[in-house]
Protein backbone atom coordinates (compact mmCIF):
# COMPACT_ATOMS: atom_id res chain seq x y z
CA MET A 1 -14.35 -3.63 -7.68
CA THR A 2 -12.87 -0.45 -5.11
CA THR A 3 -10.04 1.76 -5.87
CA GLU A 4 -8.26 4.40 -4.10
CA ALA A 5 -5.59 4.82 -6.09
CA ARG A 6 -6.38 8.45 -8.21
CA LEU A 7 -6.05 6.86 -12.49
CA ILE A 8 -5.50 8.81 -15.94
CA GLN A 9 -7.17 9.63 -18.22
CA VAL A 10 -4.78 8.86 -21.56
CA ASP A 11 -7.70 9.40 -23.82
CA GLU A 12 -11.52 9.00 -24.35
CA ASN A 13 -11.24 4.60 -23.26
CA THR A 14 -7.66 4.01 -21.62
CA PHE A 15 -6.54 4.59 -18.02
CA ALA A 16 -3.75 4.72 -16.08
CA ALA A 17 -2.05 3.82 -13.33
CA VAL A 18 0.96 5.52 -11.72
CA ASP A 19 1.83 3.29 -9.44
CA ALA A 20 2.64 -0.52 -9.38
CA THR A 21 0.27 -1.36 -7.02
CA ALA A 22 -2.93 -0.18 -8.86
CA GLY A 23 -2.14 -1.42 -12.22
CA GLU A 24 -2.72 -3.58 -14.60
CA THR A 25 -1.43 -6.74 -12.28
CA GLN A 26 -3.74 -6.15 -9.86
CA TRP A 27 -6.60 -6.46 -11.65
CA ARG A 28 -5.63 -8.84 -14.33
CA ARG A 29 -6.51 -11.60 -11.77
CA TYR A 30 -9.70 -11.10 -10.87
CA VAL A 31 -10.56 -11.46 -14.65
CA ASN A 32 -11.76 -14.78 -16.30
CA ASP A 33 -14.11 -15.92 -18.99
CA GLU A 34 -16.92 -15.64 -17.02
CA TRP A 35 -16.31 -11.96 -15.26
CA ASP A 36 -16.56 -8.24 -16.30
CA LEU A 37 -14.58 -6.18 -14.33
CA THR A 38 -15.60 -2.29 -12.87
CA LEU A 39 -13.80 -0.20 -11.82
CA LEU A 40 -14.62 2.12 -9.70
CA ALA A 41 -11.91 5.19 -9.36
CA ARG A 42 -10.86 8.50 -8.82
CA SER A 43 -9.31 9.65 -12.34
CA GLY A 44 -10.07 12.71 -15.55
CA ALA A 45 -7.82 13.71 -18.05
CA GLY A 46 -6.68 17.34 -15.38
CA GLU A 47 -5.31 14.90 -12.51
CA ASP A 48 -2.34 16.18 -11.74
CA ARG A 49 0.54 13.88 -14.12
CA GLU A 50 3.47 16.04 -13.30
CA GLY A 51 6.62 13.76 -11.96
CA SER A 52 4.71 10.07 -13.74
CA LYS A 53 7.85 9.68 -15.44
CA SER A 54 5.55 5.86 -16.09
CA LEU A 55 2.11 4.75 -16.72
CA ASP A 56 0.94 1.54 -16.63
CA PRO A 57 -2.10 1.01 -18.67
CA ILE A 58 -5.50 -0.69 -17.51
CA SER A 59 -6.86 -2.89 -20.64
CA SER A 60 -8.86 -5.99 -17.86
CA ALA A 61 -11.23 -3.96 -16.84
CA ARG A 62 -13.84 -1.63 -17.95
CA VAL A 63 -13.12 2.38 -15.43
CA VAL A 64 -15.86 4.75 -14.89
CA PRO A 65 -14.28 7.02 -13.27
CA LEU A 66 -15.02 9.28 -10.04
CA LYS A 67 -13.88 12.80 -10.03
CA PRO A 68 -10.43 12.70 -8.90
CA PHE A 69 -11.12 14.95 -5.54
CA ARG A 70 -8.68 15.38 -2.67
CA GLY A 71 -9.14 14.58 0.56
CA VAL A 72 -12.14 14.96 2.57
CA TRP A 73 -13.80 18.10 2.40
CA ALA A 74 -12.99 17.64 -1.45
CA PHE A 75 -14.93 14.52 -1.01
CA LEU A 76 -18.08 15.72 1.18
CA ILE A 77 -18.35 18.44 -1.78
CA SER A 78 -17.80 15.70 -4.51
CA LEU A 79 -21.05 13.83 -3.50
CA ILE A 80 -23.87 15.38 -5.05
CA SER A 81 -21.23 14.22 -8.78
CA ILE A 82 -20.47 11.12 -7.76
CA PHE A 83 -23.10 9.16 -5.33
CA PRO A 84 -25.36 9.56 -8.77
CA THR A 85 -22.49 7.07 -10.53
CA ILE A 86 -21.94 4.67 -8.18
CA LEU A 87 -25.42 3.95 -6.42
CA LYS A 88 -25.86 2.67 -10.88
CA GLN A 89 -22.61 0.67 -10.37
CA VAL A 90 -23.96 -1.27 -6.85
CA ARG A 91 -27.05 -1.55 -8.27
CA ARG A 92 -25.92 -3.11 -11.56
CA SER A 93 -23.12 -5.23 -10.01
CA ASP A 94 -24.03 -9.20 -9.73
CA LEU A 95 -20.31 -8.86 -7.09
CA ILE A 96 -19.06 -5.66 -4.99
CA ILE A 97 -15.58 -5.90 -4.23
CA LEU A 98 -14.19 -3.34 -1.40
CA ARG A 99 -10.87 -2.02 -1.43
CA VAL A 100 -10.89 -0.76 2.61
CA PRO A 101 -10.09 1.50 3.82
CA GLY A 102 -10.66 4.59 2.08
CA LEU A 103 -13.19 7.30 1.11
CA VAL A 104 -14.45 5.73 -2.44
CA SER A 105 -14.74 1.94 -0.59
CA SER A 106 -16.56 3.22 2.08
CA LEU A 107 -19.28 5.19 -0.17
CA VAL A 108 -20.00 2.38 -2.18
CA GLY A 109 -19.97 -0.13 1.11
CA LEU A 110 -22.84 1.81 1.96
CA CYS A 111 -24.59 1.71 -0.54
CA ALA A 112 -24.04 -1.82 -1.14
CA MET A 113 -25.51 -1.80 2.07
CA VAL A 114 -28.70 0.62 2.36
CA ALA A 115 -29.91 -1.41 -1.62
CA ARG A 116 -28.73 -5.42 0.22
CA ARG A 117 -26.22 -6.25 -2.67
CA PRO A 118 -23.49 -8.69 -1.98
CA TYR A 119 -20.29 -7.81 -1.59
CA VAL A 120 -16.80 -9.02 0.06
CA VAL A 121 -14.17 -6.62 1.74
CA ASP A 122 -10.45 -6.53 0.57
CA ILE A 123 -8.62 -4.73 3.35
CA VAL A 124 -4.86 -3.82 2.73
CA GLY A 125 -4.43 -1.19 5.93
CA ASP A 126 -5.63 -0.02 9.07
CA VAL A 127 -7.88 3.40 8.77
CA GLY A 128 -7.02 4.74 12.30
CA SER A 129 -3.44 5.02 11.93
CA VAL A 130 -3.81 6.69 8.54
CA MET A 131 -5.73 9.64 9.90
CA ALA A 132 -4.86 9.43 13.35
CA SER A 133 -1.29 10.74 10.98
CA SER A 134 -2.80 12.90 8.78
CA THR A 135 -2.54 16.84 9.12
CA SER A 136 -5.94 18.06 9.86
CA ARG A 137 -7.26 17.93 12.97
CA PHE A 138 -10.61 17.58 12.12
CA VAL A 139 -9.59 14.68 9.43
CA ARG A 140 -7.76 13.03 13.01
CA SER A 141 -11.00 13.49 15.19
CA LEU A 142 -13.05 11.49 12.65
CA LYS A 143 -10.62 8.56 13.90
CA SER A 144 -12.58 6.32 15.64
CA PHE A 145 -15.99 6.41 13.88
CA ALA A 146 -14.13 5.58 11.33
CA ILE A 147 -12.30 2.95 12.72
CA ARG A 148 -16.26 1.98 13.73
CA PHE A 149 -17.72 2.20 10.50
CA ILE A 150 -14.99 0.19 8.17
CA ARG A 151 -15.27 -2.73 10.93
CA LEU A 152 -18.85 -2.93 10.20
CA ILE A 153 -18.28 -3.20 6.29
CA VAL A 154 -15.70 -6.09 7.59
CA ARG A 155 -19.07 -7.68 9.44
CA ARG A 156 -21.68 -6.90 7.06
CA GLY A 157 -19.42 -8.68 3.90
CA SER A 158 -19.68 -12.50 2.83
CA ALA A 159 -15.68 -12.92 2.63
CA VAL A 160 -13.16 -10.79 3.75
CA ARG A 161 -9.35 -11.16 2.54
CA TYR A 162 -6.78 -9.37 4.12
CA VAL A 163 -3.11 -8.90 2.90
CA THR A 164 -1.35 -9.45 6.90
CA PHE A 165 -1.58 -13.26 8.57
CA GLU A 166 -2.67 -11.90 11.62
CA THR A 167 -2.72 -7.81 12.31
CA LEU A 168 -5.27 -6.83 10.18
CA GLN A 169 -7.87 -9.40 11.43
CA SER A 170 -7.42 -8.55 14.82
CA LEU A 171 -8.21 -5.05 14.09
CA TYR A 172 -10.70 -6.36 11.86
CA PRO A 173 -12.70 -9.42 12.61
CA THR A 174 -15.14 -10.76 11.02
CA ASP A 175 -17.67 -14.41 11.71
CA ALA A 176 -17.56 -14.67 7.58
CA LYS A 177 -15.23 -16.35 5.57
CA SER A 178 -11.35 -15.13 5.46
CA PHE A 179 -8.21 -15.38 3.51
CA ALA A 180 -5.25 -14.33 4.11
CA ILE A 181 -3.40 -13.69 1.41
CA SER A 182 -0.80 -10.86 0.64
CA ASN A 183 -1.34 -8.85 -2.98
CA VAL A 184 2.49 -8.55 -3.21
CA GLN A 185 3.55 -11.67 -5.60
CA LEU A 186 6.92 -12.02 -6.61
CA PRO A 187 7.97 -14.10 -9.32
CA THR A 188 10.70 -16.47 -9.31
CA LYS A 189 13.37 -14.94 -10.98
CA TYR A 190 12.95 -11.82 -9.16
CA PHE A 191 14.91 -13.09 -5.87
CA THR A 192 18.60 -13.04 -4.96
CA GLU A 193 19.56 -16.14 -3.09
CA GLU A 194 23.40 -14.00 -2.35
CA ARG A 195 22.84 -12.67 1.10
CA ARG A 196 24.99 -9.76 1.59
CA ASN A 197 28.23 -8.41 2.96
CA ILE A 198 29.32 -4.91 4.11
CA SER A 199 33.12 -5.03 4.81
CA SER A 200 33.24 -1.32 5.15
CA THR A 201 31.38 2.24 5.25
CA ASP A 202 34.86 3.74 4.29
CA ASN A 203 32.78 5.35 0.95
CA GLY A 204 29.36 6.31 3.32
CA VAL A 205 26.52 4.42 4.25
CA ARG A 206 23.74 4.46 1.74
CA LEU A 207 20.11 4.95 2.57
CA LEU A 208 16.52 3.86 0.69
CA THR A 209 13.22 5.48 1.88
CA ILE A 210 11.16 4.51 -0.92
CA GLY A 211 6.84 5.47 -0.56
CA SER A 212 4.43 8.45 -1.94
CA GLN A 213 4.15 11.87 -0.14
CA GLU A 214 1.03 12.40 -1.22
CA LEU A 215 0.19 12.27 2.24
CA PRO A 216 2.72 11.91 5.49
CA TYR A 217 1.76 9.00 6.60
CA LYS A 218 5.15 6.91 5.36
CA GLY A 219 7.28 8.99 8.06
CA HIS A 220 9.85 10.31 5.22
CA ASP A 221 10.89 13.61 7.60
CA ASP A 222 11.71 10.41 9.69
CA SER A 223 14.55 9.45 7.15
CA ILE A 224 15.35 12.56 6.80
CA ARG A 225 16.42 13.11 10.13
CA ALA A 226 17.78 10.23 10.75
CA VAL A 227 20.97 11.06 8.26
CA GLU A 228 21.49 14.64 9.77
CA ILE A 229 21.83 12.92 13.12
CA LEU A 230 23.87 10.06 11.58
CA ALA A 231 25.90 12.78 9.55
CA SER A 232 26.90 14.49 13.74
CA ARG A 233 28.21 11.64 14.92
CA GLY A 234 30.34 10.97 11.94
CA VAL A 235 28.94 8.85 9.91
CA ASP A 236 28.89 9.52 6.40
CA ALA A 237 24.93 8.42 5.18
CA HIS A 238 23.19 9.17 1.82
CA LEU A 239 19.64 8.90 2.07
CA VAL A 240 18.04 8.44 -1.87
CA ILE A 241 14.21 9.04 -1.66
CA ILE A 242 11.58 7.54 -3.89
CA GLY A 243 8.21 9.47 -4.40
CA ASP A 244 5.84 12.50 -4.89
CA GLY A 245 2.98 13.74 -3.60
CA ARG A 246 1.73 16.91 -2.23
CA PHE A 247 4.20 16.72 0.66
CA HIS A 248 6.80 16.82 -1.52
CA SER A 249 8.31 20.62 -0.80
CA THR A 250 7.73 20.33 2.58
CA TYR A 251 10.73 17.25 2.65
CA VAL A 252 12.87 19.32 0.17
CA ASP A 253 12.69 22.08 2.73
CA LEU A 254 13.59 20.46 5.75
CA VAL A 255 16.52 18.45 3.84
CA ASP A 256 17.66 22.64 3.37
CA LYS A 257 16.80 23.38 6.54
CA LEU A 258 18.86 20.80 8.49
CA ARG A 259 21.64 21.70 5.65
CA ILE A 260 22.32 18.54 4.51
CA ALA A 261 21.46 18.62 0.69
CA HIS A 262 24.24 17.01 -0.64
CA ARG A 263 23.60 14.13 1.67
CA VAL A 264 20.15 13.15 0.27
CA THR A 265 18.49 12.97 -3.28
CA PHE A 266 15.44 12.71 -4.34
CA LEU A 267 14.44 10.69 -7.17
CA GLY A 268 10.78 11.68 -7.41
CA ARG A 269 8.61 8.53 -9.21
CA VAL A 270 10.43 5.93 -10.99
CA SER A 271 9.99 3.35 -12.98
CA HIS A 272 9.34 -0.26 -11.02
CA ASP A 273 12.57 -1.13 -12.51
CA GLU A 274 14.53 2.01 -11.27
CA ALA A 275 13.09 0.81 -8.26
CA LEU A 276 14.49 -2.28 -8.47
CA VAL A 277 17.69 -0.67 -9.30
CA GLN A 278 18.16 1.08 -6.43
CA MET A 279 17.07 -1.93 -4.37
CA GLN A 280 20.29 -3.74 -5.34
CA LYS A 281 22.64 -0.18 -4.16
CA ALA A 282 20.81 0.61 -1.42
CA ASP A 283 22.85 -0.77 1.78
CA ILE A 284 19.82 -0.43 4.04
CA LEU A 285 16.23 0.13 3.24
CA VAL A 286 14.55 2.45 6.24
CA HIS A 287 10.58 2.63 5.90
CA PRO A 288 8.72 4.68 8.91
CA SER A 289 5.90 4.00 8.32
CA LEU A 290 3.06 5.54 10.01
CA SER A 291 0.96 3.69 9.17
CA GLU A 292 0.61 0.30 6.92
CA GLY A 293 -0.47 -2.81 5.66
CA LEU A 294 1.67 -5.22 5.36
CA PRO A 295 4.61 -2.80 2.42
CA ARG A 296 5.03 -3.84 -1.09
CA VAL A 297 8.46 -1.85 -0.72
CA ILE A 298 9.86 -4.28 2.25
CA ILE A 299 9.23 -7.59 0.56
CA GLU A 300 10.71 -6.64 -2.68
CA ALA A 301 13.69 -4.74 -1.02
CA MET A 302 14.26 -7.75 1.11
CA SER A 303 13.67 -10.09 -1.79
CA GLN A 304 16.98 -8.23 -3.52
CA ALA A 305 18.38 -8.99 0.36
CA CYS A 306 18.40 -5.44 1.31
CA PRO A 307 18.53 -5.25 5.40
CA VAL A 308 15.59 -3.30 5.95
CA ILE A 309 15.08 -1.17 9.48
CA ALA A 310 11.45 -0.32 10.01
CA THR A 311 8.88 0.82 12.65
CA ARG A 312 6.43 -1.51 14.11
CA ALA A 313 3.12 0.13 12.16
CA GLY A 314 0.37 -2.77 10.31
CA GLY A 315 2.17 -5.61 9.21
CA ILE A 316 5.50 -4.19 9.62
CA PRO A 317 5.86 -6.74 12.21
CA GLU A 318 5.10 -9.89 10.43
CA LEU A 319 8.19 -9.13 7.90
CA VAL A 320 10.86 -7.54 9.24
CA ARG A 321 13.20 -8.96 12.39
CA ASP A 322 11.88 -7.77 15.87
CA ASP A 323 15.79 -6.22 16.27
CA ALA A 324 15.11 -3.62 12.81
CA LEU A 325 12.56 -2.34 14.52
CA VAL A 326 11.79 0.60 16.04
CA PRO A 327 9.20 2.95 17.43
CA ILE A 328 6.82 5.69 14.93
CA ARG A 329 8.34 8.68 14.69
CA ALA A 330 12.06 7.73 16.37
CA PRO A 331 14.43 9.38 14.25
CA HIS A 332 17.19 8.97 17.14
CA ALA A 333 16.07 5.46 16.36
CA ILE A 334 16.67 4.76 13.36
CA ALA A 335 19.97 6.18 13.28
CA ASP A 336 20.73 3.59 16.28
CA LYS A 337 19.51 0.90 14.31
CA VAL A 338 21.84 2.25 10.97
CA GLN A 339 25.00 2.08 13.05
CA GLU A 340 24.00 -1.66 15.02
CA ILE A 341 23.22 -2.82 11.86
CA LEU A 342 26.79 -2.11 10.01
CA SER A 343 28.68 -4.41 12.13
CA GLY A 344 29.66 -6.91 9.43
CA SER A 345 28.11 -10.12 11.07
CA VAL A 346 25.21 -8.25 12.06
CA TYR A 347 24.89 -6.85 8.46
CA THR A 348 25.22 -10.19 6.95
CA ASP A 349 22.68 -11.79 9.11
CA HIS A 350 20.55 -9.71 8.78
CA SER A 351 20.67 -9.50 4.96
CA ARG A 352 19.56 -13.67 5.51
CA SER A 353 17.05 -13.39 7.25
CA ALA A 354 15.57 -10.36 4.52
CA ILE A 355 15.80 -13.34 1.86
CA LYS A 356 13.89 -15.92 4.38
CA SER A 357 11.59 -13.28 4.43
CA ALA A 358 10.76 -12.77 0.96
CA HIS A 359 10.64 -16.20 -0.32
CA ARG A 360 6.93 -15.72 1.68
CA PHE A 361 5.18 -14.06 -1.08
CA ASN A 362 7.13 -16.17 -4.69
CA LYS A 363 3.61 -15.62 -6.75
CA GLU A 364 3.67 -19.58 -7.90
CA LYS A 365 3.23 -20.31 -4.15
CA LEU A 366 0.58 -16.78 -4.26
CA ASP A 367 -1.55 -17.60 -7.61
CA GLU A 368 -3.13 -21.05 -5.81
CA GLN A 369 -4.18 -18.77 -3.11
CA PHE A 370 -5.34 -16.08 -5.45
CA GLY A 371 -7.35 -19.06 -6.65
CA GLU A 372 -8.91 -20.42 -4.07
CA TRP A 373 -10.08 -16.67 -2.90
CA GLN A 374 -11.49 -16.30 -6.79
CA ALA A 375 -13.56 -19.46 -6.81
CA TYR A 376 -15.03 -18.62 -3.13
CA LEU A 377 -15.96 -15.65 -4.98
CA GLU A 378 -17.41 -17.15 -7.79
CA SER A 379 -19.43 -19.13 -5.77
CA LEU A 380 -20.99 -16.30 -4.28
CA ILE A 381 -22.52 -15.31 -7.68
CA HIS A 382 -23.57 -17.73 -8.62
CA GLY A 383 -25.50 -18.01 -5.72
CA ALA A 384 -27.25 -15.34 -5.90
CA SER A 385 -28.68 -13.30 -8.98
CA PRO A 386 -28.68 -9.45 -9.65
CA ASN A 387 -31.62 -8.87 -8.48
CA SER A 388 -31.25 -10.65 -5.38
CA ASP A 389 -30.61 -9.93 -2.12
CA TYR A 390 -27.35 -10.64 -0.45
CA SER A 391 -28.77 -12.02 2.53
CA THR A 392 -28.75 -14.94 1.00
CA LEU A 393 -25.37 -15.37 -0.42
CA PRO A 394 -23.44 -18.31 1.17
CA THR A 395 -21.05 -17.62 4.32
CA ASP A 396 -19.59 -19.32 6.87
CA LYS A 397 -21.46 -17.07 9.51
C-alpha cells in the first residue's frame, strides 16, 4: 500500500506518523490472519520533527522507507534512489493498493501497469485542485497531465474505493467494481446529541481552523483575513489555528502585517484529543480549503455539534449545508457567513444540522461497508497468484 504521508523513523524497526490520518488506525483495517501489509512511505531518521507533539507508532504494517523528498523537483532527483525499491515491492506483491493522488502512488501505479501487477485504487482527493493551488508555476502547468494520468490509473484498476459519495466519482470514473466508503470512522462515544445555542457574543466569537500548513491549499490565510475583516466591522473575533508545515511562517507574517496578533493563536501540531477539545470550545469551524476529498476535520467538528463554514471544494458540499458554503478565496464571504450564523436561532439550526451530517460516519456503519471492500480485495488476491497477469483478475468491466 502507498501513502503520501511522511513518516518518522523512531528507531531501526519502528516508524510513526505525526498525523492521525496516516497512523495505525488507517492501516490496521487492512490486516488479517492471511494478509501481510507493506507500506511504502517517505520516511527517515532525519525527517523534521519540529512541532510534533505526539507520534502514532505503526505496528500493523511493515514500512519500507523511501527518501523523504519534498515537491516535484526533489521527487525527480530522488527517482534514481527510490525506483529500484518501489519496483521490487511491486513485483513481490499479490495486490497493490494505491492511495491517490500523490507522487509515490503515481510512480507505484506506473510500475504496476508496466509490470502488469494487480492493483486497486483508494482515491482520497482531486489532484487537479491540489496542483491548481500550488505556488509553483511549473507544478500548475502539469495539472492537466496529472489529471489524465490519475484517470488512467483509476480506469486500469481492478476496483476503486472513493471517500466521497459522488464528487470524486464524477471526476475520476471507473467501469470496475467501486465502493463509496469514507476514511473517517467515528466511534459512537465521540458524538454529542445536544445541539448548541449561542445567546451572546459579548465575549467575542471563537473561530477554529485546522489543517496542514505544508502546502497552501488549506486556505489558512483566508481564515486570517476573515478575522481582520470581522474586526473592521466591530466583531470581536478570535481565531485558533492548528497545524504546522513549510508555510507556517507565511501565516505568522500575515498576522503581523494585518496587526491582529492579539486575535490569532497558533497552536502548531496537537494531539487528536486536544483537537477535539478545541472543537468543543470553538463557536464555528472555518475550513476555507482550496482542495479536498471528504475532510475529517469537518466531520469531527460536526460530531461535536460545531457549526461549519467551508468552501465548495471537493466533497465538502456533501457534508456542509448549502447556506454555510462560500466560494474559494473569498475571506469577505467567510466574514459574512460568520455574522449570519451568529444569529441565535440560525446558529442552533446549523448545530443541529452538523450533528445529523456527522452521524453518517458512525464507525459501526462504516465497518460493515469496509468489510465488503476487504472481501472484494480478498477475492482479487485469491483470483491471482503472485506471478499472474493482472488482466485475469475478476472485474465488472
